[in-house]
Full PDB file with SEQRES, HELIX, SHEET, SSBOND, CRYST1, ORIGX, SCALE, CONECT and MASTER records, all heavy atoms in Angstrom:
SEQRES   1 A   40  MET HIS ILE LEU ARG TRP ILE ARG MET LEU LEU VAL VAL          
SEQRES   2 A   40  CYS GLY PHE MET PRO PRO PRO SER TRP SER SER PRO VAL          
SEQRES   3 A   40  LYS LYS PHE LEU TYR ASN ILE TYR THR VAL PHE VAL LEU          
SEQRES   4 A   40  LEU                                                          
HELIX    1 AA1 HIS A    2  CYS A   14  1                                  13    
HELIX    2 AA2 PRO A   25  LEU A   39  1                                  15    
CRYST1    1.000    1.000    1.000  90.00  90.00  90.00 P 1           1          
ORIGX1      1.000000  0.000000  0.000000        0.00000                         
ORIGX2      0.000000  1.000000  0.000000        0.00000                         
ORIGX3      0.000000  0.000000  1.000000        0.00000                         
SCALE1      1.000000  0.000000  0.000000        0.00000                         
SCALE2      0.000000  1.000000  0.000000        0.00000                         
SCALE3      0.000000  0.000000  1.000000        0.00000                         
ATOM      1  N   MET A   1     -13.873  10.778   4.378  1.00  0.00           N  
ATOM      2  CA  MET A   1     -14.955  10.456   3.385  1.00  0.00           C  
ATOM      3  C   MET A   1     -14.993   8.929   3.066  1.00  0.00           C  
ATOM      4  O   MET A   1     -13.760   8.563   2.747  1.00  0.00           O  
ATOM      5  CB  MET A   1     -14.856  11.344   2.114  1.00  0.00           C  
ATOM      6  CG  MET A   1     -15.181  12.839   2.474  1.00  0.00           C  
ATOM      7  SD  MET A   1     -15.022  13.826   1.050  1.00  0.00           S  
ATOM      8  CE  MET A   1     -13.349  13.972   0.803  1.00  0.00           C  
ATOM      9  N   HIS A   2     -15.992   8.405   2.952  1.00  0.00           N  
ATOM     10  CA  HIS A   2     -15.985   6.926   2.838  1.00  0.00           C  
ATOM     11  C   HIS A   2     -15.433   6.583   1.441  1.00  0.00           C  
ATOM     12  O   HIS A   2     -14.677   5.618   1.307  1.00  0.00           O  
ATOM     13  CB  HIS A   2     -17.484   6.505   2.909  1.00  0.00           C  
ATOM     14  CG  HIS A   2     -17.552   4.961   2.642  1.00  0.00           C  
ATOM     15  ND1 HIS A   2     -17.151   3.922   3.588  1.00  0.00           N  
ATOM     16  CD2 HIS A   2     -18.051   4.196   1.607  1.00  0.00           C  
ATOM     17  CE1 HIS A   2     -17.432   2.770   3.087  1.00  0.00           C  
ATOM     18  NE2 HIS A   2     -18.026   2.909   1.803  1.00  0.00           N  
ATOM     19  N   ILE A   3     -15.793   7.265   0.395  1.00  0.00           N  
ATOM     20  CA  ILE A   3     -15.392   6.936  -0.953  1.00  0.00           C  
ATOM     21  C   ILE A   3     -13.797   7.038  -1.020  1.00  0.00           C  
ATOM     22  O   ILE A   3     -13.223   6.275  -1.826  1.00  0.00           O  
ATOM     23  CB  ILE A   3     -16.132   7.784  -2.051  1.00  0.00           C  
ATOM     24  CG1 ILE A   3     -15.678   7.408  -3.392  1.00  0.00           C  
ATOM     25  CG2 ILE A   3     -15.826   9.309  -1.807  1.00  0.00           C  
ATOM     26  CD1 ILE A   3     -16.126   5.918  -3.736  1.00  0.00           C  
ATOM     27  N   LEU A   4     -13.290   8.063  -0.394  1.00  0.00           N  
ATOM     28  CA  LEU A   4     -11.819   8.220  -0.418  1.00  0.00           C  
ATOM     29  C   LEU A   4     -11.150   7.125   0.329  1.00  0.00           C  
ATOM     30  O   LEU A   4      -9.974   6.671   0.041  1.00  0.00           O  
ATOM     31  CB  LEU A   4     -11.390   9.571   0.082  1.00  0.00           C  
ATOM     32  CG  LEU A   4     -11.875  10.693  -0.829  1.00  0.00           C  
ATOM     33  CD1 LEU A   4     -11.318  11.991  -0.282  1.00  0.00           C  
ATOM     34  CD2 LEU A   4     -11.543  10.463  -2.226  1.00  0.00           C  
ATOM     35  N   ARG A   5     -11.762   6.641   1.348  1.00  0.00           N  
ATOM     36  CA  ARG A   5     -11.335   5.408   2.084  1.00  0.00           C  
ATOM     37  C   ARG A   5     -11.318   4.130   1.165  1.00  0.00           C  
ATOM     38  O   ARG A   5     -10.392   3.341   1.219  1.00  0.00           O  
ATOM     39  CB  ARG A   5     -12.082   5.099   3.248  1.00  0.00           C  
ATOM     40  CG  ARG A   5     -11.807   6.174   4.464  1.00  0.00           C  
ATOM     41  CD  ARG A   5     -12.139   5.673   5.820  1.00  0.00           C  
ATOM     42  NE  ARG A   5     -13.662   5.311   5.916  1.00  0.00           N  
ATOM     43  CZ  ARG A   5     -14.554   6.111   6.249  1.00  0.00           C  
ATOM     44  NH1 ARG A   5     -14.084   7.315   6.694  1.00  0.00           N  
ATOM     45  NH2 ARG A   5     -15.778   5.863   6.378  1.00  0.00           N  
ATOM     46  N   TRP A   6     -12.393   4.051   0.321  1.00  0.00           N  
ATOM     47  CA  TRP A   6     -12.433   2.985  -0.620  1.00  0.00           C  
ATOM     48  C   TRP A   6     -11.257   3.121  -1.637  1.00  0.00           C  
ATOM     49  O   TRP A   6     -10.578   2.103  -1.966  1.00  0.00           O  
ATOM     50  CB  TRP A   6     -13.766   3.141  -1.342  1.00  0.00           C  
ATOM     51  CG  TRP A   6     -13.879   2.170  -2.494  1.00  0.00           C  
ATOM     52  CD1 TRP A   6     -13.122   2.072  -3.615  1.00  0.00           C  
ATOM     53  CD2 TRP A   6     -15.007   1.035  -2.586  1.00  0.00           C  
ATOM     54  NE1 TRP A   6     -13.663   1.018  -4.429  1.00  0.00           N  
ATOM     55  CE2 TRP A   6     -14.744   0.439  -3.873  1.00  0.00           C  
ATOM     56  CE3 TRP A   6     -16.028   0.670  -1.786  1.00  0.00           C  
ATOM     57  CZ2 TRP A   6     -15.554  -0.592  -4.339  1.00  0.00           C  
ATOM     58  CZ3 TRP A   6     -16.804  -0.321  -2.258  1.00  0.00           C  
ATOM     59  CH2 TRP A   6     -16.613  -0.945  -3.464  1.00  0.00           C  
ATOM     60  N   ILE A   7     -11.021   4.281  -2.123  1.00  0.00           N  
ATOM     61  CA  ILE A   7      -9.883   4.464  -3.089  1.00  0.00           C  
ATOM     62  C   ILE A   7      -8.529   4.083  -2.359  1.00  0.00           C  
ATOM     63  O   ILE A   7      -7.718   3.292  -2.979  1.00  0.00           O  
ATOM     64  CB  ILE A   7      -9.819   5.928  -3.471  1.00  0.00           C  
ATOM     65  CG1 ILE A   7     -11.098   6.307  -4.282  1.00  0.00           C  
ATOM     66  CG2 ILE A   7      -8.497   6.123  -4.291  1.00  0.00           C  
ATOM     67  CD1 ILE A   7     -11.257   7.788  -4.617  1.00  0.00           C  
ATOM     68  N   ARG A   8      -8.395   4.425  -1.169  1.00  0.00           N  
ATOM     69  CA  ARG A   8      -7.119   4.132  -0.456  1.00  0.00           C  
ATOM     70  C   ARG A   8      -7.052   2.608  -0.311  1.00  0.00           C  
ATOM     71  O   ARG A   8      -5.956   2.060  -0.499  1.00  0.00           O  
ATOM     72  CB  ARG A   8      -7.126   4.812   0.958  1.00  0.00           C  
ATOM     73  CG  ARG A   8      -6.857   6.302   0.810  1.00  0.00           C  
ATOM     74  CD  ARG A   8      -6.588   6.816   2.141  1.00  0.00           C  
ATOM     75  NE  ARG A   8      -6.283   8.374   2.109  1.00  0.00           N  
ATOM     76  CZ  ARG A   8      -7.169   9.229   2.402  1.00  0.00           C  
ATOM     77  NH1 ARG A   8      -8.400   8.970   2.626  1.00  0.00           N  
ATOM     78  NH2 ARG A   8      -6.818  10.472   2.279  1.00  0.00           N  
ATOM     79  N   MET A   9      -8.162   1.966  -0.060  1.00  0.00           N  
ATOM     80  CA  MET A   9      -8.119   0.515   0.104  1.00  0.00           C  
ATOM     81  C   MET A   9      -7.747  -0.183  -1.129  1.00  0.00           C  
ATOM     82  O   MET A   9      -6.915  -1.112  -1.167  1.00  0.00           O  
ATOM     83  CB  MET A   9      -9.461   0.074   0.582  1.00  0.00           C  
ATOM     84  CG  MET A   9      -9.593  -1.542   0.853  1.00  0.00           C  
ATOM     85  SD  MET A   9     -11.310  -2.109   0.923  1.00  0.00           S  
ATOM     86  CE  MET A   9     -11.861  -1.866  -0.841  1.00  0.00           C  
ATOM     87  N   LEU A  10      -8.277   0.271  -2.222  1.00  0.00           N  
ATOM     88  CA  LEU A  10      -7.879  -0.309  -3.595  1.00  0.00           C  
ATOM     89  C   LEU A  10      -6.480  -0.047  -3.966  1.00  0.00           C  
ATOM     90  O   LEU A  10      -5.764  -1.047  -4.352  1.00  0.00           O  
ATOM     91  CB  LEU A  10      -8.753   0.393  -4.751  1.00  0.00           C  
ATOM     92  CG  LEU A  10     -10.212  -0.107  -4.816  1.00  0.00           C  
ATOM     93  CD1 LEU A  10     -10.911   0.719  -5.876  1.00  0.00           C  
ATOM     94  CD2 LEU A  10     -10.333  -1.631  -5.055  1.00  0.00           C  
ATOM     95  N   LEU A  11      -5.990   1.100  -3.597  1.00  0.00           N  
ATOM     96  CA  LEU A  11      -4.532   1.516  -3.873  1.00  0.00           C  
ATOM     97  C   LEU A  11      -3.647   0.593  -2.913  1.00  0.00           C  
ATOM     98  O   LEU A  11      -2.468   0.191  -3.327  1.00  0.00           O  
ATOM     99  CB  LEU A  11      -4.308   3.011  -3.639  1.00  0.00           C  
ATOM    100  CG  LEU A  11      -4.901   3.830  -4.712  1.00  0.00           C  
ATOM    101  CD1 LEU A  11      -4.676   5.301  -4.249  1.00  0.00           C  
ATOM    102  CD2 LEU A  11      -4.332   3.599  -6.117  1.00  0.00           C  
ATOM    103  N   VAL A  12      -3.992   0.453  -1.725  1.00  0.00           N  
ATOM    104  CA  VAL A  12      -3.300  -0.420  -0.780  1.00  0.00           C  
ATOM    105  C   VAL A  12      -3.198  -1.881  -1.364  1.00  0.00           C  
ATOM    106  O   VAL A  12      -2.159  -2.461  -1.298  1.00  0.00           O  
ATOM    107  CB  VAL A  12      -3.840  -0.416   0.593  1.00  0.00           C  
ATOM    108  CG1 VAL A  12      -3.301  -1.581   1.467  1.00  0.00           C  
ATOM    109  CG2 VAL A  12      -3.686   0.937   1.280  1.00  0.00           C  
ATOM    110  N   VAL A  13      -4.302  -2.391  -1.740  1.00  0.00           N  
ATOM    111  CA  VAL A  13      -4.340  -3.716  -2.269  1.00  0.00           C  
ATOM    112  C   VAL A  13      -3.497  -3.937  -3.521  1.00  0.00           C  
ATOM    113  O   VAL A  13      -2.841  -4.938  -3.687  1.00  0.00           O  
ATOM    114  CB  VAL A  13      -5.852  -4.212  -2.617  1.00  0.00           C  
ATOM    115  CG1 VAL A  13      -5.922  -5.474  -3.362  1.00  0.00           C  
ATOM    116  CG2 VAL A  13      -6.633  -4.291  -1.413  1.00  0.00           C  
ATOM    117  N   CYS A  14      -3.464  -2.896  -4.328  1.00  0.00           N  
ATOM    118  CA  CYS A  14      -2.664  -2.929  -5.547  1.00  0.00           C  
ATOM    119  C   CYS A  14      -1.107  -2.617  -5.397  1.00  0.00           C  
ATOM    120  O   CYS A  14      -0.368  -2.614  -6.273  1.00  0.00           O  
ATOM    121  CB  CYS A  14      -3.228  -2.006  -6.669  1.00  0.00           C  
ATOM    122  SG  CYS A  14      -4.902  -2.490  -7.146  1.00  0.00           S  
ATOM    123  N   GLY A  15      -0.828  -2.248  -4.129  1.00  0.00           N  
ATOM    124  CA  GLY A  15       0.623  -1.956  -3.827  1.00  0.00           C  
ATOM    125  C   GLY A  15       1.041  -0.518  -4.158  1.00  0.00           C  
ATOM    126  O   GLY A  15       2.190  -0.270  -4.321  1.00  0.00           O  
ATOM    127  N   PHE A  16       0.108   0.383  -4.294  1.00  0.00           N  
ATOM    128  CA  PHE A  16       0.496   1.781  -4.647  1.00  0.00           C  
ATOM    129  C   PHE A  16       0.291   2.839  -3.628  1.00  0.00           C  
ATOM    130  O   PHE A  16       0.473   4.026  -3.889  1.00  0.00           O  
ATOM    131  CB  PHE A  16      -0.469   2.124  -5.938  1.00  0.00           C  
ATOM    132  CG  PHE A  16       0.209   1.555  -7.231  1.00  0.00           C  
ATOM    133  CD1 PHE A  16       0.310   0.060  -7.407  1.00  0.00           C  
ATOM    134  CD2 PHE A  16       0.758   2.299  -8.247  1.00  0.00           C  
ATOM    135  CE1 PHE A  16       0.849  -0.417  -8.510  1.00  0.00           C  
ATOM    136  CE2 PHE A  16       1.286   1.741  -9.301  1.00  0.00           C  
ATOM    137  CZ  PHE A  16       1.313   0.459  -9.540  1.00  0.00           C  
ATOM    138  N   MET A  17      -0.179   2.481  -2.525  1.00  0.00           N  
ATOM    139  CA  MET A  17      -0.280   3.387  -1.321  1.00  0.00           C  
ATOM    140  C   MET A  17      -0.214   2.521  -0.048  1.00  0.00           C  
ATOM    141  O   MET A  17      -1.121   2.021   0.285  1.00  0.00           O  
ATOM    142  CB  MET A  17      -1.575   4.218  -1.357  1.00  0.00           C  
ATOM    143  CG  MET A  17      -1.626   5.258  -0.312  1.00  0.00           C  
ATOM    144  SD  MET A  17      -3.007   6.321  -0.470  1.00  0.00           S  
ATOM    145  CE  MET A  17      -2.411   7.366  -1.918  1.00  0.00           C  
ATOM    146  N   PRO A  18       0.946   2.704   0.636  1.00  0.00           N  
ATOM    147  CA  PRO A  18       1.213   1.900   1.874  1.00  0.00           C  
ATOM    148  C   PRO A  18       0.217   2.369   2.969  1.00  0.00           C  
ATOM    149  O   PRO A  18      -0.190   3.378   3.050  1.00  0.00           O  
ATOM    150  CB  PRO A  18       2.649   2.101   2.253  1.00  0.00           C  
ATOM    151  CG  PRO A  18       2.872   3.439   1.625  1.00  0.00           C  
ATOM    152  CD  PRO A  18       2.132   3.475   0.487  1.00  0.00           C  
ATOM    153  N   PRO A  19      -0.359   1.447   3.787  1.00  0.00           N  
ATOM    154  CA  PRO A  19      -1.253   1.770   4.892  1.00  0.00           C  
ATOM    155  C   PRO A  19      -0.512   2.745   5.856  1.00  0.00           C  
ATOM    156  O   PRO A  19       0.710   2.534   6.138  1.00  0.00           O  
ATOM    157  CB  PRO A  19      -1.532   0.396   5.545  1.00  0.00           C  
ATOM    158  CG  PRO A  19      -1.186  -0.560   4.648  1.00  0.00           C  
ATOM    159  CD  PRO A  19      -0.124  -0.041   3.705  1.00  0.00           C  
ATOM    160  N   PRO A  20      -1.200   3.765   6.438  1.00  0.00           N  
ATOM    161  CA  PRO A  20      -0.622   4.689   7.299  1.00  0.00           C  
ATOM    162  C   PRO A  20       0.038   4.009   8.562  1.00  0.00           C  
ATOM    163  O   PRO A  20       0.944   4.514   9.066  1.00  0.00           O  
ATOM    164  CB  PRO A  20      -1.779   5.597   7.640  1.00  0.00           C  
ATOM    165  CG  PRO A  20      -2.747   5.391   6.562  1.00  0.00           C  
ATOM    166  CD  PRO A  20      -2.686   3.981   6.157  1.00  0.00           C  
ATOM    167  N   SER A  21      -0.585   2.879   8.951  1.00  0.00           N  
ATOM    168  CA  SER A  21      -0.135   2.170  10.104  1.00  0.00           C  
ATOM    169  C   SER A  21       1.155   1.477   9.948  1.00  0.00           C  
ATOM    170  O   SER A  21       1.917   1.096  10.876  1.00  0.00           O  
ATOM    171  CB  SER A  21      -1.177   1.198  10.656  1.00  0.00           C  
ATOM    172  OG  SER A  21      -1.508   0.178   9.632  1.00  0.00           O  
ATOM    173  N   TRP A  22       1.494   1.328   8.765  1.00  0.00           N  
ATOM    174  CA  TRP A  22       2.821   0.637   8.379  1.00  0.00           C  
ATOM    175  C   TRP A  22       3.910   1.601   8.348  1.00  0.00           C  
ATOM    176  O   TRP A  22       4.528   1.978   7.285  1.00  0.00           O  
ATOM    177  CB  TRP A  22       2.749  -0.169   7.096  1.00  0.00           C  
ATOM    178  CG  TRP A  22       1.885  -1.432   7.041  1.00  0.00           C  
ATOM    179  CD1 TRP A  22       0.846  -1.653   7.909  1.00  0.00           C  
ATOM    180  CD2 TRP A  22       2.033  -2.570   6.244  1.00  0.00           C  
ATOM    181  NE1 TRP A  22       0.355  -2.929   7.698  1.00  0.00           N  
ATOM    182  CE2 TRP A  22       1.030  -3.397   6.597  1.00  0.00           C  
ATOM    183  CE3 TRP A  22       2.790  -2.752   5.156  1.00  0.00           C  
ATOM    184  CZ2 TRP A  22       0.806  -4.648   5.961  1.00  0.00           C  
ATOM    185  CZ3 TRP A  22       2.575  -4.079   4.522  1.00  0.00           C  
ATOM    186  CH2 TRP A  22       1.632  -4.971   4.954  1.00  0.00           C  
ATOM    187  N   SER A  23       4.452   1.986   9.524  1.00  0.00           N  
ATOM    188  CA  SER A  23       5.399   3.016   9.626  1.00  0.00           C  
ATOM    189  C   SER A  23       6.848   2.469   9.854  1.00  0.00           C  
ATOM    190  O   SER A  23       7.846   3.151   9.714  1.00  0.00           O  
ATOM    191  CB  SER A  23       5.159   3.989  10.842  1.00  0.00           C  
ATOM    192  OG  SER A  23       4.968   3.277  12.024  1.00  0.00           O  
ATOM    193  N   SER A  24       6.998   1.134  10.222  1.00  0.00           N  
ATOM    194  CA  SER A  24       8.207   0.514  10.523  1.00  0.00           C  
ATOM    195  C   SER A  24       8.998   0.304   9.162  1.00  0.00           C  
ATOM    196  O   SER A  24       8.371   0.046   8.116  1.00  0.00           O  
ATOM    197  CB  SER A  24       8.108  -0.715  11.305  1.00  0.00           C  
ATOM    198  OG  SER A  24       7.481  -1.707  10.433  1.00  0.00           O  
ATOM    199  N   PRO A  25      10.346   0.414   9.124  1.00  0.00           N  
ATOM    200  CA  PRO A  25      11.118   0.211   7.943  1.00  0.00           C  
ATOM    201  C   PRO A  25      10.959  -1.167   7.318  1.00  0.00           C  
ATOM    202  O   PRO A  25      11.046  -1.292   6.218  1.00  0.00           O  
ATOM    203  CB  PRO A  25      12.630   0.416   8.414  1.00  0.00           C  
ATOM    204  CG  PRO A  25      12.529   1.248   9.699  1.00  0.00           C  
ATOM    205  CD  PRO A  25      11.134   0.805  10.313  1.00  0.00           C  
ATOM    206  N   VAL A  26      10.809  -2.146   8.176  1.00  0.00           N  
ATOM    207  CA  VAL A  26      10.543  -3.488   7.702  1.00  0.00           C  
ATOM    208  C   VAL A  26       9.240  -3.637   6.890  1.00  0.00           C  
ATOM    209  O   VAL A  26       9.250  -4.175   5.778  1.00  0.00           O  
ATOM    210  CB  VAL A  26      10.627  -4.498   8.832  1.00  0.00           C  
ATOM    211  CG1 VAL A  26      10.236  -5.949   8.285  1.00  0.00           C  
ATOM    212  CG2 VAL A  26      11.884  -4.490   9.583  1.00  0.00           C  
ATOM    213  N   LYS A  27       8.206  -3.114   7.447  1.00  0.00           N  
ATOM    214  CA  LYS A  27       6.955  -3.100   6.725  1.00  0.00           C  
ATOM    215  C   LYS A  27       6.999  -2.232   5.342  1.00  0.00           C  
ATOM    216  O   LYS A  27       6.478  -2.764   4.378  1.00  0.00           O  
ATOM    217  CB  LYS A  27       5.831  -2.656   7.627  1.00  0.00           C  
ATOM    218  CG  LYS A  27       5.427  -3.590   8.764  1.00  0.00           C  
ATOM    219  CD  LYS A  27       4.364  -3.024   9.585  1.00  0.00           C  
ATOM    220  CE  LYS A  27       3.946  -4.131  10.714  1.00  0.00           C  
ATOM    221  NZ  LYS A  27       2.813  -3.586  11.527  1.00  0.00           N  
ATOM    222  N   LYS A  28       7.634  -1.162   5.504  1.00  0.00           N  
ATOM    223  CA  LYS A  28       7.648  -0.484   4.289  1.00  0.00           C  
ATOM    224  C   LYS A  28       8.541  -1.088   3.229  1.00  0.00           C  
ATOM    225  O   LYS A  28       8.269  -1.094   1.980  1.00  0.00           O  
ATOM    226  CB  LYS A  28       8.446   0.970   4.640  1.00  0.00           C  
ATOM    227  CG  LYS A  28       7.533   1.944   5.359  1.00  0.00           C  
ATOM    228  CD  LYS A  28       8.244   3.273   5.624  1.00  0.00           C  
ATOM    229  CE  LYS A  28       7.312   4.294   6.230  1.00  0.00           C  
ATOM    230  NZ  LYS A  28       7.933   5.566   6.491  1.00  0.00           N  
ATOM    231  N   PHE A  29       9.580  -1.665   3.697  1.00  0.00           N  
ATOM    232  CA  PHE A  29      10.406  -2.554   2.636  1.00  0.00           C  
ATOM    233  C   PHE A  29       9.651  -3.628   2.085  1.00  0.00           C  
ATOM    234  O   PHE A  29       9.754  -3.942   0.783  1.00  0.00           O  
ATOM    235  CB  PHE A  29      11.611  -3.052   3.393  1.00  0.00           C  
ATOM    236  CG  PHE A  29      12.505  -3.972   2.427  1.00  0.00           C  
ATOM    237  CD1 PHE A  29      13.296  -3.444   1.506  1.00  0.00           C  
ATOM    238  CD2 PHE A  29      12.538  -5.359   2.662  1.00  0.00           C  
ATOM    239  CE1 PHE A  29      14.174  -4.223   0.714  1.00  0.00           C  
ATOM    240  CE2 PHE A  29      13.280  -6.197   1.863  1.00  0.00           C  
ATOM    241  CZ  PHE A  29      14.121  -5.604   1.012  1.00  0.00           C  
ATOM    242  N   LEU A  30       8.917  -4.453   2.888  1.00  0.00           N  
ATOM    243  CA  LEU A  30       8.022  -5.555   2.382  1.00  0.00           C  
ATOM    244  C   LEU A  30       6.946  -4.939   1.412  1.00  0.00           C  
ATOM    245  O   LEU A  30       6.621  -5.569   0.375  1.00  0.00           O  
ATOM    246  CB  LEU A  30       7.393  -6.353   3.453  1.00  0.00           C  
ATOM    247  CG  LEU A  30       8.324  -7.065   4.346  1.00  0.00           C  
ATOM    248  CD1 LEU A  30       7.547  -7.642   5.443  1.00  0.00           C  
ATOM    249  CD2 LEU A  30       9.091  -8.068   3.501  1.00  0.00           C  
ATOM    250  N   TYR A  31       6.456  -3.857   1.742  1.00  0.00           N  
ATOM    251  CA  TYR A  31       5.352  -3.226   0.878  1.00  0.00           C  
ATOM    252  C   TYR A  31       6.057  -2.788  -0.456  1.00  0.00           C  
ATOM    253  O   TYR A  31       5.280  -2.968  -1.544  1.00  0.00           O  
ATOM    254  CB  TYR A  31       4.715  -2.078   1.529  1.00  0.00           C  
ATOM    255  CG  TYR A  31       3.385  -1.624   0.797  1.00  0.00           C  
ATOM    256  CD1 TYR A  31       2.233  -2.378   0.956  1.00  0.00           C  
ATOM    257  CD2 TYR A  31       3.373  -0.660  -0.125  1.00  0.00           C  
ATOM    258  CE1 TYR A  31       1.068  -1.937   0.387  1.00  0.00           C  
ATOM    259  CE2 TYR A  31       2.201  -0.183  -0.687  1.00  0.00           C  
ATOM    260  CZ  TYR A  31       1.067  -0.916  -0.531  1.00  0.00           C  
ATOM    261  OH  TYR A  31      -0.116  -0.479  -1.156  1.00  0.00           O  
ATOM    262  N   ASN A  32       7.173  -2.279  -0.496  1.00  0.00           N  
ATOM    263  CA  ASN A  32       7.842  -1.895  -1.681  1.00  0.00           C  
ATOM    264  C   ASN A  32       8.138  -3.031  -2.592  1.00  0.00           C  
ATOM    265  O   ASN A  32       8.025  -3.017  -3.817  1.00  0.00           O  
ATOM    266  CB  ASN A  32       9.144  -1.145  -1.343  1.00  0.00           C  
ATOM    267  CG  ASN A  32       8.892   0.286  -0.856  1.00  0.00           C  
ATOM    268  OD1 ASN A  32       7.854   0.937  -1.060  1.00  0.00           O  
ATOM    269  ND2 ASN A  32       9.770   0.792  -0.038  1.00  0.00           N  
ATOM    270  N   ILE A  33       8.532  -4.172  -1.992  1.00  0.00           N  
ATOM    271  CA  ILE A  33       8.672  -5.382  -2.756  1.00  0.00           C  
ATOM    272  C   ILE A  33       7.364  -5.773  -3.403  1.00  0.00           C  
ATOM    273  O   ILE A  33       7.338  -6.241  -4.516  1.00  0.00           O  
ATOM    274  CB  ILE A  33       9.192  -6.588  -1.880  1.00  0.00           C  
ATOM    275  CG1 ILE A  33      10.692  -6.225  -1.301  1.00  0.00           C  
ATOM    276  CG2 ILE A  33       9.187  -7.840  -2.531  1.00  0.00           C  
ATOM    277  CD1 ILE A  33      11.173  -7.234  -0.324  1.00  0.00           C  
ATOM    278  N   TYR A  34       6.241  -5.748  -2.734  1.00  0.00           N  
ATOM    279  CA  TYR A  34       5.003  -6.057  -3.297  1.00  0.00           C  
ATOM    280  C   TYR A  34       4.656  -5.123  -4.413  1.00  0.00           C  
ATOM    281  O   TYR A  34       4.030  -5.531  -5.411  1.00  0.00           O  
ATOM    282  CB  TYR A  34       3.896  -6.002  -2.167  1.00  0.00           C  
ATOM    283  CG  TYR A  34       2.469  -6.188  -2.680  1.00  0.00           C  
ATOM    284  CD1 TYR A  34       2.112  -7.379  -3.163  1.00  0.00           C  
ATOM    285  CD2 TYR A  34       1.509  -5.136  -2.479  1.00  0.00           C  
ATOM    286  CE1 TYR A  34       0.812  -7.589  -3.605  1.00  0.00           C  
ATOM    287  CE2 TYR A  34       0.196  -5.393  -2.906  1.00  0.00           C  
ATOM    288  CZ  TYR A  34      -0.152  -6.607  -3.531  1.00  0.00           C  
ATOM    289  OH  TYR A  34      -1.315  -6.886  -3.968  1.00  0.00           O  
ATOM    290  N   THR A  35       4.998  -3.836  -4.190  1.00  0.00           N  
ATOM    291  CA  THR A  35       4.754  -2.815  -5.349  1.00  0.00           C  
ATOM    292  C   THR A  35       5.481  -3.268  -6.651  1.00  0.00           C  
ATOM    293  O   THR A  35       4.998  -3.291  -7.749  1.00  0.00           O  
ATOM    294  CB  THR A  35       5.149  -1.489  -4.970  1.00  0.00           C  
ATOM    295  OG1 THR A  35       4.389  -1.110  -3.770  1.00  0.00           O  
ATOM    296  CG2 THR A  35       4.880  -0.467  -6.068  1.00  0.00           C  
ATOM    297  N   VAL A  36       6.683  -3.681  -6.404  1.00  0.00           N  
ATOM    298  CA  VAL A  36       7.639  -4.071  -7.643  1.00  0.00           C  
ATOM    299  C   VAL A  36       6.993  -5.393  -8.243  1.00  0.00           C  
ATOM    300  O   VAL A  36       7.022  -5.538  -9.453  1.00  0.00           O  
ATOM    301  CB  VAL A  36       9.050  -4.323  -7.138  1.00  0.00           C  
ATOM    302  CG1 VAL A  36       9.766  -5.031  -8.175  1.00  0.00           C  
ATOM    303  CG2 VAL A  36       9.639  -3.086  -6.661  1.00  0.00           C  
ATOM    304  N   PHE A  37       6.466  -6.278  -7.362  1.00  0.00           N  
ATOM    305  CA  PHE A  37       5.827  -7.459  -7.861  1.00  0.00           C  
ATOM    306  C   PHE A  37       4.580  -7.114  -8.796  1.00  0.00           C  
ATOM    307  O   PHE A  37       4.412  -7.676  -9.866  1.00  0.00           O  
ATOM    308  CB  PHE A  37       5.365  -8.401  -6.721  1.00  0.00           C  
ATOM    309  CG  PHE A  37       4.428  -9.509  -7.137  1.00  0.00           C  
ATOM    310  CD1 PHE A  37       4.888 -10.579  -7.806  1.00  0.00           C  
ATOM    311  CD2 PHE A  37       3.078  -9.401  -6.818  1.00  0.00           C  
ATOM    312  CE1 PHE A  37       3.968 -11.633  -8.129  1.00  0.00           C  
ATOM    313  CE2 PHE A  37       2.064 -10.324  -7.200  1.00  0.00           C  
ATOM    314  CZ  PHE A  37       2.580 -11.431  -7.947  1.00  0.00           C  
ATOM    315  N   VAL A  38       3.792  -6.188  -8.248  1.00  0.00           N  
ATOM    316  CA  VAL A  38       2.622  -5.799  -9.087  1.00  0.00           C  
ATOM    317  C   VAL A  38       3.060  -5.145 -10.382  1.00  0.00           C  
ATOM    318  O   VAL A  38       2.410  -5.449 -11.525  1.00  0.00           O  
ATOM    319  CB  VAL A  38       1.642  -4.801  -8.266  1.00  0.00           C  
ATOM    320  CG1 VAL A  38       0.670  -4.318  -9.191  1.00  0.00           C  
ATOM    321  CG2 VAL A  38       1.182  -5.486  -7.046  1.00  0.00           C  
ATOM    322  N   LEU A  39       4.065  -4.341 -10.360  1.00  0.00           N  
ATOM    323  CA  LEU A  39       4.502  -3.674 -11.606  1.00  0.00           C  
ATOM    324  C   LEU A  39       5.014  -4.709 -12.678  1.00  0.00           C  
ATOM    325  O   LEU A  39       4.770  -4.645 -13.813  1.00  0.00           O  
ATOM    326  CB  LEU A  39       5.612  -2.620 -11.281  1.00  0.00           C  
ATOM    327  CG  LEU A  39       5.120  -1.364 -10.585  1.00  0.00           C  
ATOM    328  CD1 LEU A  39       6.350  -0.514 -10.154  1.00  0.00           C  
ATOM    329  CD2 LEU A  39       4.177  -0.599 -11.466  1.00  0.00           C  
ATOM    330  N   LEU A  40       5.736  -5.679 -12.052  1.00  0.00           N  
ATOM    331  CA  LEU A  40       6.378  -6.748 -12.987  1.00  0.00           C  
ATOM    332  C   LEU A  40       5.316  -7.549 -13.574  1.00  0.00           C  
ATOM    333  O   LEU A  40       5.348  -7.877 -14.744  1.00  0.00           O  
ATOM    334  CB  LEU A  40       7.295  -7.587 -12.109  1.00  0.00           C  
ATOM    335  CG  LEU A  40       8.690  -7.007 -11.820  1.00  0.00           C  
ATOM    336  CD1 LEU A  40       9.454  -7.989 -10.976  1.00  0.00           C  
ATOM    337  CD2 LEU A  40       9.412  -6.761 -13.081  1.00  0.00           C  
TER     338      LEU A  40                                                      
MASTER        0    0    0    2    0    0    0    6  337    1    0    4          
END                                                                             
């Protein structure tokens, strides 16, 4: 559904839902750092 893809996009931008394609440990680690930055 398009609207749910929109929601996922917003959550990805805000650091609260990693992209499904980012499956490697390095990308997940970098995204977690970005999440911490947004929270801070």
